[in-house]
Amino acid sequence: MRRCIAAVFLLTATLILSSGCGERFEIPQPPESEYQKVRLTMTANGTEAGIETLTARKFAELVSEASGGNVHIEFYPNDELSGGNTNEAVRSLTEGAVDLGAYVSGTMSLLDPRLEVATIPWSFKDYKEARRIIDETGGKYYAKVLAKYGLVYLGSTHNAMRQLTNNRNPIRRPEDIQGLRIRVLGGEVYRMFFSALDADPIPLGWSELNIAIRQGVIEGQENGFFLMKSGRLNEIQKYMTVWNYLYENYLFVANRKTFEQLEPKTQQLLREKMREACELSRDYLETEEIKIRAQFAADGLEIIDLKHSELEKFKELVRPLREQLKKKYGEEACNAFRIDMDKNS
């Protein structure tokens, strides 16, 4: 079954939708037994191989099949509709120039910092816990916050549980990471986290990372298995520490005005098929990570799984940072994601 799911996603990723934008709402309205004819546009930052792209394309396919082709979603990756400008893409979503979108919580936090609450280090111990909490209570909080910015929350899928790789030495203790020149994303959580561990976090673009590692400017980096494979980082890094220190996810949203113009039946269809697509992509990524890890090990990457006692030493050092972030995002946000310092101890 999982092989079938993987095959479906890989096939979906190769499809190119070629229809023009045109009018989104067509008349006359359909009989009760049919879905209205509607054409919607969808944007995302990811490449063709990105998990958000695979999810979006699967969503469009499911919607088209269930509606007999009446509800058509044109998907544009790489922020094509905004000339590659992610900030402009998010603005277009809120203003209704684009109907649907998929962006990581860190990007959506440009609207409201509280949308990044789930990235507090060690909020979730694994994917299973992240799925359960987001689906039970976290998603409702996302919906509440996004509504203030004219957006409807439709679903969430994994980006990654983030791991650490480097070329300097195996990392099992906090002392092992001190002074390590590590590439991080530009977000403050990443910089603050590694600074708390006395490492040397260096913000750097993804496109520059490979050559920076080869030249020795950067010694290490942090990412999920899926993205590491796409960047072939296992070929230029010696050691990996598996510690699930941070979870990041994609949020799928719709412009509220556009969504409210749709018939209730169509609204329900979009909600149901987005949940289905997100579940499939979560399963797919988790399955792929198992395969990727095995391949990394076979290729010679030394993989270190931290014991509970080893992990606790790192957690203790970032405890003040976690408390600082909890205050920043607020009690309501933290309660929605059940974030507590002792939850995973």
C-alpha atoms as a PDB file:
ATOM      1  CA  MET A   1       0.000   0.000   0.000  1.00  0.00           C
ATOM      2  CA  ARG A   2       2.778   2.423   0.944  1.00  0.00           C
ATOM      3  CA  ARG A   3       4.567   1.694  -2.333  1.00  0.00           C
ATOM      4  CA  CYS A   4       1.373   2.544  -4.155  1.00  0.00           C
ATOM      5  CA  ILE A   5       1.072   5.828  -2.268  1.00  0.00           C
ATOM      6  CA  ALA A   6       4.679   6.717  -3.103  1.00  0.00           C
ATOM      7  CA  ALA A   7       4.110   5.886  -6.763  1.00  0.00           C
ATOM      8  CA  VAL A   8       0.992   8.031  -6.861  1.00  0.00           C
ATOM      9  CA  PHE A   9       2.852  11.019  -5.435  1.00  0.00           C
ATOM     10  CA  LEU A  10       5.814  10.628  -7.775  1.00  0.00           C
ATOM     11  CA  LEU A  11       3.472  10.397 -10.739  1.00  0.00           C
ATOM     12  CA  THR A  12       1.470  13.385  -9.520  1.00  0.00           C
ATOM     13  CA  ALA A  13       4.648  15.481  -9.204  1.00  0.00           C
ATOM     14  CA  THR A  14       5.299  15.141 -12.949  1.00  0.00           C
ATOM     15  CA  LEU A  15       1.967  16.523 -14.058  1.00  0.00           C
ATOM     16  CA  ILE A  16       1.841  20.026 -15.481  1.00  0.00           C
ATOM     17  CA  LEU A  17      -1.472  21.780 -15.491  1.00  0.00           C
ATOM     18  CA  SER A  18      -1.769  23.816 -18.650  1.00  0.00           C
ATOM     19  CA  SER A  19      -5.205  25.449 -18.502  1.00  0.00           C
ATOM     20  CA  GLY A  20      -5.393  29.245 -18.539  1.00  0.00           C
ATOM     21  CA  CYS A  21      -6.669  31.266 -15.565  1.00  0.00           C
ATOM     22  CA  GLY A  22      -9.828  32.670 -17.143  1.00  0.00           C
ATOM     23  CA  GLU A  23     -12.939  33.338 -15.150  1.00  0.00           C
ATOM     24  CA  ARG A  24     -13.134  31.376 -11.918  1.00  0.00           C
ATOM     25  CA  PHE A  25     -16.897  31.226 -11.619  1.00  0.00           C
ATOM     26  CA  GLU A  26     -18.999  30.153 -14.567  1.00  0.00           C
ATOM     27  CA  ILE A  27     -22.777  30.231 -15.088  1.00  0.00           C
ATOM     28  CA  PRO A  28     -25.317  28.813 -15.174  1.00  0.00           C
ATOM     29  CA  GLN A  29     -25.272  27.102 -11.783  1.00  0.00           C
ATOM     30  CA  PRO A  30     -25.366  23.273 -11.877  1.00  0.00           C
ATOM     31  CA  PRO A  31     -28.222  20.978 -10.888  1.00  0.00           C
ATOM     32  CA  GLU A  32     -28.211  19.849  -7.256  1.00  0.00           C
ATOM     33  CA  SER A  33     -26.649  16.538  -8.185  1.00  0.00           C
ATOM     34  CA  GLU A  34     -23.545  18.214  -9.663  1.00  0.00           C
ATOM     35  CA  TYR A  35     -20.802  20.465  -8.387  1.00  0.00           C
ATOM     36  CA  GLN A  36     -20.635  24.041  -9.610  1.00  0.00           C
ATOM     37  CA  LYS A  37     -18.075  24.725 -12.317  1.00  0.00           C
ATOM     38  CA  VAL A  38     -15.262  26.691 -10.751  1.00  0.00           C
ATOM     39  CA  ARG A  39     -11.616  27.308 -11.488  1.00  0.00           C
ATOM     40  CA  LEU A  40      -9.269  28.130  -8.615  1.00  0.00           C
ATOM     41  CA  THR A  41      -5.602  29.095  -8.530  1.00  0.00           C
ATOM     42  CA  MET A  42      -3.147  27.735  -5.971  1.00  0.00           C
ATOM     43  CA  THR A  43       0.387  28.862  -5.128  1.00  0.00           C
ATOM     44  CA  ALA A  44       3.322  27.456  -3.166  1.00  0.00           C
ATOM     45  CA  ASN A  45       6.988  28.215  -2.674  1.00  0.00           C
ATOM     46  CA  GLY A  46       8.240  24.655  -3.199  1.00  0.00           C
ATOM     47  CA  THR A  47       9.898  23.044  -6.194  1.00  0.00           C
ATOM     48  CA  GLU A  48       8.406  20.156  -8.165  1.00  0.00           C
ATOM     49  CA  ALA A  49       9.992  17.694  -5.712  1.00  0.00           C
ATOM     50  CA  GLY A  50       8.810  19.504  -2.574  1.00  0.00           C
ATOM     51  CA  ILE A  51       6.356  17.754  -0.279  1.00  0.00           C
ATOM     52  CA  GLU A  52       3.984  20.731  -0.430  1.00  0.00           C
ATOM     53  CA  THR A  53       3.971  20.488  -4.232  1.00  0.00           C
ATOM     54  CA  LEU A  54       3.236  16.767  -4.123  1.00  0.00           C
ATOM     55  CA  THR A  55       0.435  17.407  -1.639  1.00  0.00           C
ATOM     56  CA  ALA A  56      -1.055  20.272  -3.655  1.00  0.00           C
ATOM     57  CA  ARG A  57      -1.056  18.295  -6.882  1.00  0.00           C
ATOM     58  CA  LYS A  58      -2.665  15.320  -5.165  1.00  0.00           C
ATOM     59  CA  PHE A  59      -5.290  17.642  -3.673  1.00  0.00           C
ATOM     60  CA  ALA A  60      -6.092  19.055  -7.109  1.00  0.00           C
ATOM     61  CA  GLU A  61      -6.381  15.541  -8.523  1.00  0.00           C
ATOM     62  CA  LEU A  62      -8.710  14.354  -5.747  1.00  0.00           C
ATOM     63  CA  VAL A  63     -10.941  17.413  -6.096  1.00  0.00           C
ATOM     64  CA  SER A  64     -11.187  17.032  -9.867  1.00  0.00           C
ATOM     65  CA  GLU A  65     -12.052  13.333  -9.637  1.00  0.00           C
ATOM     66  CA  ALA A  66     -14.703  13.817  -6.950  1.00  0.00           C
ATOM     67  CA  SER A  67     -16.358  16.732  -8.761  1.00  0.00           C
ATOM     68  CA  GLY A  68     -16.344  15.122 -12.189  1.00  0.00           C
ATOM     69  CA  GLY A  69     -13.927  17.808 -13.381  1.00  0.00           C
ATOM     70  CA  ASN A  70     -16.212  20.692 -12.434  1.00  0.00           C
ATOM     71  CA  VAL A  71     -13.914  21.992  -9.693  1.00  0.00           C
ATOM     72  CA  HIS A  72     -10.545  22.659 -11.290  1.00  0.00           C
ATOM     73  CA  ILE A  73      -7.443  23.790  -9.386  1.00  0.00           C
ATOM     74  CA  GLU A  74      -4.495  25.244 -11.261  1.00  0.00           C
ATOM     75  CA  PHE A  75      -1.348  24.873  -9.191  1.00  0.00           C
ATOM     76  CA  TYR A  76       1.776  27.026  -9.541  1.00  0.00           C
ATOM     77  CA  PRO A  77       4.941  26.020  -7.612  1.00  0.00           C
ATOM     78  CA  ASN A  78       8.058  28.149  -7.036  1.00  0.00           C
ATOM     79  CA  ASP A  79       5.892  31.225  -6.349  1.00  0.00           C
ATOM     80  CA  GLU A  80       5.453  31.595 -10.106  1.00  0.00           C
ATOM     81  CA  LEU A  81       2.431  33.854  -9.700  1.00  0.00           C
ATOM     82  CA  SER A  82       4.434  36.393  -7.695  1.00  0.00           C
ATOM     83  CA  GLY A  83       7.687  36.280  -9.648  1.00  0.00           C
ATOM     84  CA  GLY A  84       9.380  34.164  -6.996  1.00  0.00           C
ATOM     85  CA  ASN A  85       8.578  36.642  -4.211  1.00  0.00           C
ATOM     86  CA  THR A  86       7.209  34.655  -1.253  1.00  0.00           C
ATOM     87  CA  ASN A  87       6.163  37.721   0.754  1.00  0.00           C
ATOM     88  CA  GLU A  88       4.188  38.981  -2.240  1.00  0.00           C
ATOM     89  CA  ALA A  89       2.599  35.544  -2.630  1.00  0.00           C
ATOM     90  CA  VAL A  90       1.316  35.574   0.949  1.00  0.00           C
ATOM     91  CA  ARG A  91      -0.040  39.087   0.462  1.00  0.00           C
ATOM     92  CA  SER A  92      -1.828  37.955  -2.717  1.00  0.00           C
ATOM     93  CA  LEU A  93      -3.464  35.173  -0.734  1.00  0.00           C
ATOM     94  CA  THR A  94      -4.803  37.531   1.901  1.00  0.00           C
ATOM     95  CA  GLU A  95      -6.099  39.951  -0.747  1.00  0.00           C
ATOM     96  CA  GLY A  96      -7.720  37.284  -2.908  1.00  0.00           C
ATOM     97  CA  ALA A  97      -5.550  37.659  -6.009  1.00  0.00           C
ATOM     98  CA  VAL A  98      -4.759  33.957  -5.483  1.00  0.00           C
ATOM     99  CA  ASP A  99      -7.344  31.520  -4.127  1.00  0.00           C
ATOM    100  CA  LEU A 100      -5.331  28.813  -2.353  1.00  0.00           C
ATOM    101  CA  GLY A 101      -1.807  28.469  -0.970  1.00  0.00           C
ATOM    102  CA  ALA A 102       0.663  26.222   0.848  1.00  0.00           C
ATOM    103  CA  TYR A 103       3.463  27.673   2.983  1.00  0.00           C
ATOM    104  CA  VAL A 104       5.533  26.587   5.982  1.00  0.00           C
ATOM    105  CA  SER A 105       4.440  27.946   9.328  1.00  0.00           C
ATOM    106  CA  GLY A 106       7.589  30.094   9.466  1.00  0.00           C
ATOM    107  CA  THR A 107       6.574  31.866   6.265  1.00  0.00           C
ATOM    108  CA  MET A 108       2.980  32.278   7.417  1.00  0.00           C
ATOM    109  CA  SER A 109       4.307  33.801  10.637  1.00  0.00           C
ATOM    110  CA  LEU A 110       4.988  36.913   8.551  1.00  0.00           C
ATOM    111  CA  LEU A 111       1.283  37.553   9.137  1.00  0.00           C
ATOM    112  CA  ASP A 112       1.312  36.623  12.815  1.00  0.00           C
ATOM    113  CA  PRO A 113       4.299  35.315  14.872  1.00  0.00           C
ATOM    114  CA  ARG A 114       1.982  32.974  16.808  1.00  0.00           C
ATOM    115  CA  LEU A 115       1.657  30.761  13.722  1.00  0.00           C
ATOM    116  CA  GLU A 116       5.215  29.594  14.448  1.00  0.00           C
ATOM    117  CA  VAL A 117       4.416  28.309  17.926  1.00  0.00           C
ATOM    118  CA  ALA A 118       4.818  24.631  16.955  1.00  0.00           C
ATOM    119  CA  THR A 119       8.493  25.261  16.130  1.00  0.00           C
ATOM    120  CA  ILE A 120       9.403  25.743  19.791  1.00  0.00           C
ATOM    121  CA  PRO A 121      12.229  23.181  20.209  1.00  0.00           C
ATOM    122  CA  TRP A 122      11.133  19.736  21.335  1.00  0.00           C
ATOM    123  CA  SER A 123       7.431  20.520  21.246  1.00  0.00           C
ATOM    124  CA  PHE A 124       6.768  17.094  19.705  1.00  0.00           C
ATOM    125  CA  LYS A 125       8.774  13.929  20.204  1.00  0.00           C
ATOM    126  CA  ASP A 126       7.853  12.410  16.840  1.00  0.00           C
ATOM    127  CA  TYR A 127       5.558  12.664  13.806  1.00  0.00           C
ATOM    128  CA  LYS A 128       2.824  10.628  15.469  1.00  0.00           C
ATOM    129  CA  GLU A 129       2.497  13.104  18.312  1.00  0.00           C
ATOM    130  CA  ALA A 130       2.654  16.102  15.960  1.00  0.00           C
ATOM    131  CA  ARG A 131      -0.148  14.694  13.805  1.00  0.00           C
ATOM    132  CA  ARG A 132      -2.386  13.958  16.772  1.00  0.00           C
ATOM    133  CA  ILE A 133      -1.993  17.331  18.476  1.00  0.00           C
ATOM    134  CA  ILE A 134      -2.338  19.404  15.301  1.00  0.00           C
ATOM    135  CA  ASP A 135      -5.433  17.493  14.223  1.00  0.00           C
ATOM    136  CA  GLU A 136      -7.085  17.567  17.665  1.00  0.00           C
ATOM    137  CA  THR A 137      -6.381  21.114  18.887  1.00  0.00           C
ATOM    138  CA  GLY A 138      -3.572  22.858  16.998  1.00  0.00           C
ATOM    139  CA  GLY A 139      -5.472  23.115  13.737  1.00  0.00           C
ATOM    140  CA  LYS A 140      -8.325  24.936  15.449  1.00  0.00           C
ATOM    141  CA  TYR A 141      -5.840  27.491  16.727  1.00  0.00           C
ATOM    142  CA  TYR A 142      -4.338  27.942  13.257  1.00  0.00           C
ATOM    143  CA  ALA A 143      -7.857  28.490  11.922  1.00  0.00           C
ATOM    144  CA  LYS A 144      -8.626  31.134  14.550  1.00  0.00           C
ATOM    145  CA  VAL A 145      -5.455  33.137  13.907  1.00  0.00           C
ATOM    146  CA  LEU A 146      -5.581  32.858  10.108  1.00  0.00           C
ATOM    147  CA  ALA A 147      -9.200  34.030  10.042  1.00  0.00           C
ATOM    148  CA  LYS A 148      -8.019  37.430  11.264  1.00  0.00           C
ATOM    149  CA  TYR A 149      -6.033  37.790   8.054  1.00  0.00           C
ATOM    150  CA  GLY A 150      -8.773  36.750   5.665  1.00  0.00           C
ATOM    151  CA  LEU A 151      -7.682  33.122   5.327  1.00  0.00           C
ATOM    152  CA  VAL A 152      -9.414  29.771   5.853  1.00  0.00           C
ATOM    153  CA  TYR A 153      -7.283  26.960   7.297  1.00  0.00           C
ATOM    154  CA  LEU A 154      -7.736  23.732   5.324  1.00  0.00           C
ATOM    155  CA  GLY A 155      -5.005  21.415   6.553  1.00  0.00           C
ATOM    156  CA  SER A 156      -1.426  20.714   7.577  1.00  0.00           C
ATOM    157  CA  THR A 157       1.254  18.301   6.441  1.00  0.00           C
ATOM    158  CA  HIS A 158       4.817  17.572   7.534  1.00  0.00           C
ATOM    159  CA  ASN A 159       7.813  19.514   6.358  1.00  0.00           C
ATOM    160  CA  ALA A 160      10.275  17.736   8.642  1.00  0.00           C
ATOM    161  CA  MET A 161      11.490  16.655  12.008  1.00  0.00           C
ATOM    162  CA  ARG A 162      14.876  18.338  11.806  1.00  0.00           C
ATOM    163  CA  GLN A 163      18.179  16.542  12.401  1.00  0.00           C
ATOM    164  CA  LEU A 164      21.814  17.693  12.562  1.00  0.00           C
ATOM    165  CA  THR A 165      24.735  16.764  10.297  1.00  0.00           C
ATOM    166  CA  ASN A 166      28.361  17.910  10.356  1.00  0.00           C
ATOM    167  CA  ASN A 167      31.892  17.113   9.256  1.00  0.00           C
ATOM    168  CA  ARG A 168      33.798  17.973  12.437  1.00  0.00           C
ATOM    169  CA  ASN A 169      32.920  15.287  14.963  1.00  0.00           C
ATOM    170  CA  PRO A 170      30.107  13.035  16.224  1.00  0.00           C
ATOM    171  CA  ILE A 171      27.695  14.997  18.409  1.00  0.00           C
ATOM    172  CA  ARG A 172      26.418  13.242  21.516  1.00  0.00           C
ATOM    173  CA  ARG A 173      27.039  15.867  24.215  1.00  0.00           C
ATOM    174  CA  PRO A 174      26.558  19.641  24.346  1.00  0.00           C
ATOM    175  CA  GLU A 175      30.347  20.014  24.420  1.00  0.00           C
ATOM    176  CA  ASP A 176      30.538  18.373  21.005  1.00  0.00           C
ATOM    177  CA  ILE A 177      28.575  21.152  19.332  1.00  0.00           C
ATOM    178  CA  GLN A 178      30.388  24.133  20.870  1.00  0.00           C
ATOM    179  CA  GLY A 179      31.796  26.463  18.217  1.00  0.00           C
ATOM    180  CA  LEU A 180      30.380  24.396  15.350  1.00  0.00           C
ATOM    181  CA  ARG A 181      29.821  26.565  12.281  1.00  0.00           C
ATOM    182  CA  ILE A 182      26.320  25.502  11.334  1.00  0.00           C
ATOM    183  CA  ARG A 183      24.079  26.767   8.572  1.00  0.00           C
ATOM    184  CA  VAL A 184      20.599  27.749   9.751  1.00  0.00           C
ATOM    185  CA  LEU A 185      17.481  29.285   8.253  1.00  0.00           C
ATOM    186  CA  GLY A 186      16.936  32.980   8.798  1.00  0.00           C
ATOM    187  CA  GLY A 187      14.251  32.553  11.476  1.00  0.00           C
ATOM    188  CA  GLU A 188      15.075  33.644  15.002  1.00  0.00           C
ATOM    189  CA  VAL A 189      14.204  30.307  16.606  1.00  0.00           C
ATOM    190  CA  TYR A 190      16.985  28.560  14.704  1.00  0.00           C
ATOM    191  CA  ARG A 191      19.617  31.171  15.569  1.00  0.00           C
ATOM    192  CA  MET A 192      18.586  31.369  19.195  1.00  0.00           C
ATOM    193  CA  PHE A 193      18.536  27.585  19.576  1.00  0.00           C
ATOM    194  CA  PHE A 194      22.082  26.986  18.379  1.00  0.00           C
ATOM    195  CA  SER A 195      23.388  30.054  20.174  1.00  0.00           C
ATOM    196  CA  ALA A 196      21.988  28.587  23.398  1.00  0.00           C
ATOM    197  CA  LEU A 197      24.123  25.509  22.726  1.00  0.00           C
ATOM    198  CA  ASP A 198      27.204  27.720  22.167  1.00  0.00           C
ATOM    199  CA  ALA A 199      27.441  26.788  18.484  1.00  0.00           C
ATOM    200  CA  ASP A 200      28.050  29.328  15.713  1.00  0.00           C
ATOM    201  CA  PRO A 201      24.800  29.605  13.693  1.00  0.00           C
ATOM    202  CA  ILE A 202      25.248  31.189  10.267  1.00  0.00           C
ATOM    203  CA  PRO A 203      22.160  32.132   8.201  1.00  0.00           C
ATOM    204  CA  LEU A 204      22.710  30.983   4.630  1.00  0.00           C
ATOM    205  CA  GLY A 205      20.532  30.330   1.601  1.00  0.00           C
ATOM    206  CA  TRP A 206      19.837  26.754   0.539  1.00  0.00           C
ATOM    207  CA  SER A 207      21.431  27.310  -2.879  1.00  0.00           C
ATOM    208  CA  GLU A 208      24.719  28.317  -1.222  1.00  0.00           C
ATOM    209  CA  LEU A 209      24.913  25.502   1.314  1.00  0.00           C
ATOM    210  CA  ASN A 210      26.512  22.738  -0.737  1.00  0.00           C
ATOM    211  CA  ILE A 211      29.481  24.784  -1.885  1.00  0.00           C
ATOM    212  CA  ALA A 212      29.906  26.354   1.571  1.00  0.00           C
ATOM    213  CA  ILE A 213      30.267  22.872   3.090  1.00  0.00           C
ATOM    214  CA  ARG A 214      32.681  21.750   0.386  1.00  0.00           C
ATOM    215  CA  GLN A 215      34.846  24.834   0.976  1.00  0.00           C
ATOM    216  CA  GLY A 216      34.803  24.361   4.755  1.00  0.00           C
ATOM    217  CA  VAL A 217      33.080  27.684   5.406  1.00  0.00           C
ATOM    218  CA  ILE A 218      30.227  25.715   6.983  1.00  0.00           C
ATOM    219  CA  GLU A 219      30.840  22.575   9.054  1.00  0.00           C
ATOM    220  CA  GLY A 220      27.273  21.459   9.600  1.00  0.00           C
ATOM    221  CA  GLN A 221      23.596  22.005   8.849  1.00  0.00           C
ATOM    222  CA  GLU A 222      20.164  20.992  10.129  1.00  0.00           C
ATOM    223  CA  ASN A 223      17.289  19.697   8.051  1.00  0.00           C
ATOM    224  CA  GLY A 224      14.934  16.783   7.554  1.00  0.00           C
ATOM    225  CA  PHE A 225      15.918  13.564   5.776  1.00  0.00           C
ATOM    226  CA  PHE A 226      13.759  14.357   2.749  1.00  0.00           C
ATOM    227  CA  LEU A 227      15.447  17.671   1.951  1.00  0.00           C
ATOM    228  CA  MET A 228      18.925  16.376   2.802  1.00  0.00           C
ATOM    229  CA  LYS A 229      18.500  13.727   0.147  1.00  0.00           C
ATOM    230  CA  SER A 230      17.383  16.223  -2.479  1.00  0.00           C
ATOM    231  CA  GLY A 231      20.496  18.299  -1.744  1.00  0.00           C
ATOM    232  CA  ARG A 232      22.726  15.177  -1.651  1.00  0.00           C
ATOM    233  CA  LEU A 233      24.105  16.417   1.651  1.00  0.00           C
ATOM    234  CA  ASN A 234      24.799  12.873   2.821  1.00  0.00           C
ATOM    235  CA  GLU A 235      27.581  12.795   0.225  1.00  0.00           C
ATOM    236  CA  ILE A 236      29.448  15.716   1.810  1.00  0.00           C
ATOM    237  CA  GLN A 237      28.695  15.234   5.537  1.00  0.00           C
ATOM    238  CA  LYS A 238      30.221  12.584   7.841  1.00  0.00           C
ATOM    239  CA  TYR A 239      28.029  12.522  10.947  1.00  0.00           C
ATOM    240  CA  MET A 240      24.308  12.786  11.641  1.00  0.00           C
ATOM    241  CA  THR A 241      22.686  13.263  15.045  1.00  0.00           C
ATOM    242  CA  VAL A 242      19.033  12.196  15.143  1.00  0.00           C
ATOM    243  CA  TRP A 243      17.286  14.226  17.840  1.00  0.00           C
ATOM    244  CA  ASN A 244      13.995  15.541  16.359  1.00  0.00           C
ATOM    245  CA  TYR A 245      14.797  18.896  17.891  1.00  0.00           C
ATOM    246  CA  LEU A 246      12.264  20.885  15.876  1.00  0.00           C
ATOM    247  CA  TYR A 247       9.119  20.154  13.889  1.00  0.00           C
ATOM    248  CA  GLU A 248       8.048  22.264  10.944  1.00  0.00           C
ATOM    249  CA  ASN A 249       4.880  21.928   8.888  1.00  0.00           C
ATOM    250  CA  TYR A 250       3.082  23.337   5.873  1.00  0.00           C
ATOM    251  CA  LEU A 251      -0.214  25.170   6.257  1.00  0.00           C
ATOM    252  CA  PHE A 252      -2.763  24.943   3.447  1.00  0.00           C
ATOM    253  CA  VAL A 253      -5.128  27.894   3.267  1.00  0.00           C
ATOM    254  CA  ALA A 254      -7.826  29.492   1.125  1.00  0.00           C
ATOM    255  CA  ASN A 255      -8.737  33.130   0.700  1.00  0.00           C
ATOM    256  CA  ARG A 256     -11.845  33.608   2.837  1.00  0.00           C
ATOM    257  CA  LYS A 257     -13.816  35.773   0.380  1.00  0.00           C
ATOM    258  CA  THR A 258     -13.236  33.301  -2.429  1.00  0.00           C
ATOM    259  CA  PHE A 259     -14.082  30.374  -0.183  1.00  0.00           C
ATOM    260  CA  GLU A 260     -17.320  31.937   1.045  1.00  0.00           C
ATOM    261  CA  GLN A 261     -18.476  32.523  -2.555  1.00  0.00           C
ATOM    262  CA  LEU A 262     -18.362  28.791  -3.177  1.00  0.00           C
ATOM    263  CA  GLU A 263     -21.416  26.620  -2.648  1.00  0.00           C
ATOM    264  CA  PRO A 264     -21.404  24.797   0.721  1.00  0.00           C
ATOM    265  CA  LYS A 265     -21.088  21.512  -1.117  1.00  0.00           C
ATOM    266  CA  THR A 266     -17.901  22.723  -2.818  1.00  0.00           C
ATOM    267  CA  GLN A 267     -16.507  24.120   0.425  1.00  0.00           C
ATOM    268  CA  GLN A 268     -16.981  20.747   2.068  1.00  0.00           C
ATOM    269  CA  LEU A 269     -15.335  19.031  -0.885  1.00  0.00           C
ATOM    270  CA  LEU A 270     -12.227  21.199  -0.564  1.00  0.00           C
ATOM    271  CA  ARG A 271     -11.986  20.573   3.173  1.00  0.00           C
ATOM    272  CA  GLU A 272     -12.396  16.803   2.822  1.00  0.00           C
ATOM    273  CA  LYS A 273      -9.961  16.381  -0.058  1.00  0.00           C
ATOM    274  CA  MET A 274      -7.343  18.574   1.592  1.00  0.00           C
ATOM    275  CA  ARG A 275      -7.495  16.419   4.714  1.00  0.00           C
ATOM    276  CA  GLU A 276      -7.152  13.325   2.532  1.00  0.00           C
ATOM    277  CA  ALA A 277      -4.191  14.748   0.591  1.00  0.00           C
ATOM    278  CA  CYS A 278      -2.441  15.822   3.799  1.00  0.00           C
ATOM    279  CA  GLU A 279      -2.854  12.383   5.350  1.00  0.00           C
ATOM    280  CA  LEU A 280      -1.423  10.737   2.249  1.00  0.00           C
ATOM    281  CA  SER A 281       1.560  13.084   2.146  1.00  0.00           C
ATOM    282  CA  ARG A 282       2.251  12.617   5.859  1.00  0.00           C
ATOM    283  CA  ASP A 283       2.305   8.850   5.351  1.00  0.00           C
ATOM    284  CA  TYR A 284       4.475   9.254   2.275  1.00  0.00           C
ATOM    285  CA  LEU A 285       7.090  11.442   3.957  1.00  0.00           C
ATOM    286  CA  GLU A 286       7.324   9.208   7.024  1.00  0.00           C
ATOM    287  CA  THR A 287       7.780   6.138   4.826  1.00  0.00           C
ATOM    288  CA  GLU A 288      10.358   7.852   2.631  1.00  0.00           C
ATOM    289  CA  GLU A 289      12.392   8.979   5.642  1.00  0.00           C
ATOM    290  CA  ILE A 290      12.801   5.359   6.761  1.00  0.00           C
ATOM    291  CA  LYS A 291      14.118   4.453   3.320  1.00  0.00           C
ATOM    292  CA  ILE A 292      16.361   7.512   3.124  1.00  0.00           C
ATOM    293  CA  ARG A 293      17.872   6.836   6.546  1.00  0.00           C
ATOM    294  CA  ALA A 294      18.717   3.278   5.530  1.00  0.00           C
ATOM    295  CA  GLN A 295      20.319   4.518   2.327  1.00  0.00           C
ATOM    296  CA  PHE A 296      22.347   7.166   4.184  1.00  0.00           C
ATOM    297  CA  ALA A 297      23.706   4.513   6.543  1.00  0.00           C
ATOM    298  CA  ALA A 298      24.522   2.184   3.641  1.00  0.00           C
ATOM    299  CA  ASP A 299      26.411   5.008   1.939  1.00  0.00           C
ATOM    300  CA  GLY A 300      28.619   5.504   4.992  1.00  0.00           C
ATOM    301  CA  LEU A 301      27.030   8.363   6.906  1.00  0.00           C
ATOM    302  CA  GLU A 302      27.524   7.743  10.649  1.00  0.00           C
ATOM    303  CA  ILE A 303      24.075   8.071  12.238  1.00  0.00           C
ATOM    304  CA  ILE A 304      23.847   8.717  15.981  1.00  0.00           C
ATOM    305  CA  ASP A 305      20.567   8.246  17.850  1.00  0.00           C
ATOM    306  CA  LEU A 306      20.717  10.124  21.139  1.00  0.00           C
ATOM    307  CA  LYS A 307      19.743   8.209  24.253  1.00  0.00           C
ATOM    308  CA  HIS A 308      17.169   9.740  26.581  1.00  0.00           C
ATOM    309  CA  SER A 309      19.869  10.750  29.099  1.00  0.00           C
ATOM    310  CA  GLU A 310      21.945  12.382  26.337  1.00  0.00           C
ATOM    311  CA  LEU A 311      18.986  14.279  24.918  1.00  0.00           C
ATOM    312  CA  GLU A 312      18.039  15.644  28.339  1.00  0.00           C
ATOM    313  CA  LYS A 313      21.361  17.483  28.597  1.00  0.00           C
ATOM    314  CA  PHE A 314      20.598  19.414  25.408  1.00  0.00           C
ATOM    315  CA  LYS A 315      17.032  20.097  26.536  1.00  0.00           C
ATOM    316  CA  GLU A 316      18.237  21.536  29.817  1.00  0.00           C
ATOM    317  CA  LEU A 317      20.442  24.073  28.027  1.00  0.00           C
ATOM    318  CA  VAL A 318      17.566  25.360  25.884  1.00  0.00           C
ATOM    319  CA  ARG A 319      15.030  25.390  28.706  1.00  0.00           C
ATOM    320  CA  PRO A 320      15.334  29.198  29.171  1.00  0.00           C
ATOM    321  CA  LEU A 321      14.829  29.689  25.436  1.00  0.00           C
ATOM    322  CA  ARG A 322      11.723  27.511  25.441  1.00  0.00           C
ATOM    323  CA  GLU A 323      10.256  29.535  28.307  1.00  0.00           C
ATOM    324  CA  GLN A 324      11.081  32.759  26.477  1.00  0.00           C
ATOM    325  CA  LEU A 325       9.303  31.558  23.344  1.00  0.00           C
ATOM    326  CA  LYS A 326       6.307  30.293  25.301  1.00  0.00           C
ATOM    327  CA  LYS A 327       5.845  33.788  26.751  1.00  0.00           C
ATOM    328  CA  LYS A 328       6.239  35.332  23.305  1.00  0.00           C
ATOM    329  CA  TYR A 329       3.557  33.169  21.655  1.00  0.00           C
ATOM    330  CA  GLY A 330       1.247  33.217  24.637  1.00  0.00           C
ATOM    331  CA  GLU A 331      -0.672  30.788  26.819  1.00  0.00           C
ATOM    332  CA  GLU A 332      -3.495  30.177  24.366  1.00  0.00           C
ATOM    333  CA  ALA A 333      -1.112  29.182  21.573  1.00  0.00           C
ATOM    334  CA  CYS A 334       0.973  26.922  23.796  1.00  0.00           C
ATOM    335  CA  ASN A 335      -2.096  25.232  25.259  1.00  0.00           C
ATOM    336  CA  ALA A 336      -3.441  24.564  21.763  1.00  0.00           C
ATOM    337  CA  PHE A 337      -0.260  22.668  20.917  1.00  0.00           C
ATOM    338  CA  ARG A 338       0.085  21.222  24.444  1.00  0.00           C
ATOM    339  CA  ILE A 339       3.563  22.663  24.795  1.00  0.00           C
ATOM    340  CA  ASP A 340       4.949  22.087  28.252  1.00  0.00           C
ATOM    341  CA  MET A 341       8.595  21.951  29.336  1.00  0.00           C
ATOM    342  CA  ASP A 342       8.179  18.582  31.048  1.00  0.00           C
ATOM    343  CA  LYS A 343       5.861  16.917  28.502  1.00  0.00           C
ATOM    344  CA  ASN A 344       8.591  14.951  26.756  1.00  0.00           C
ATOM    345  CA  SER A 345      10.956  14.543  29.687  1.00  0.00           C
END
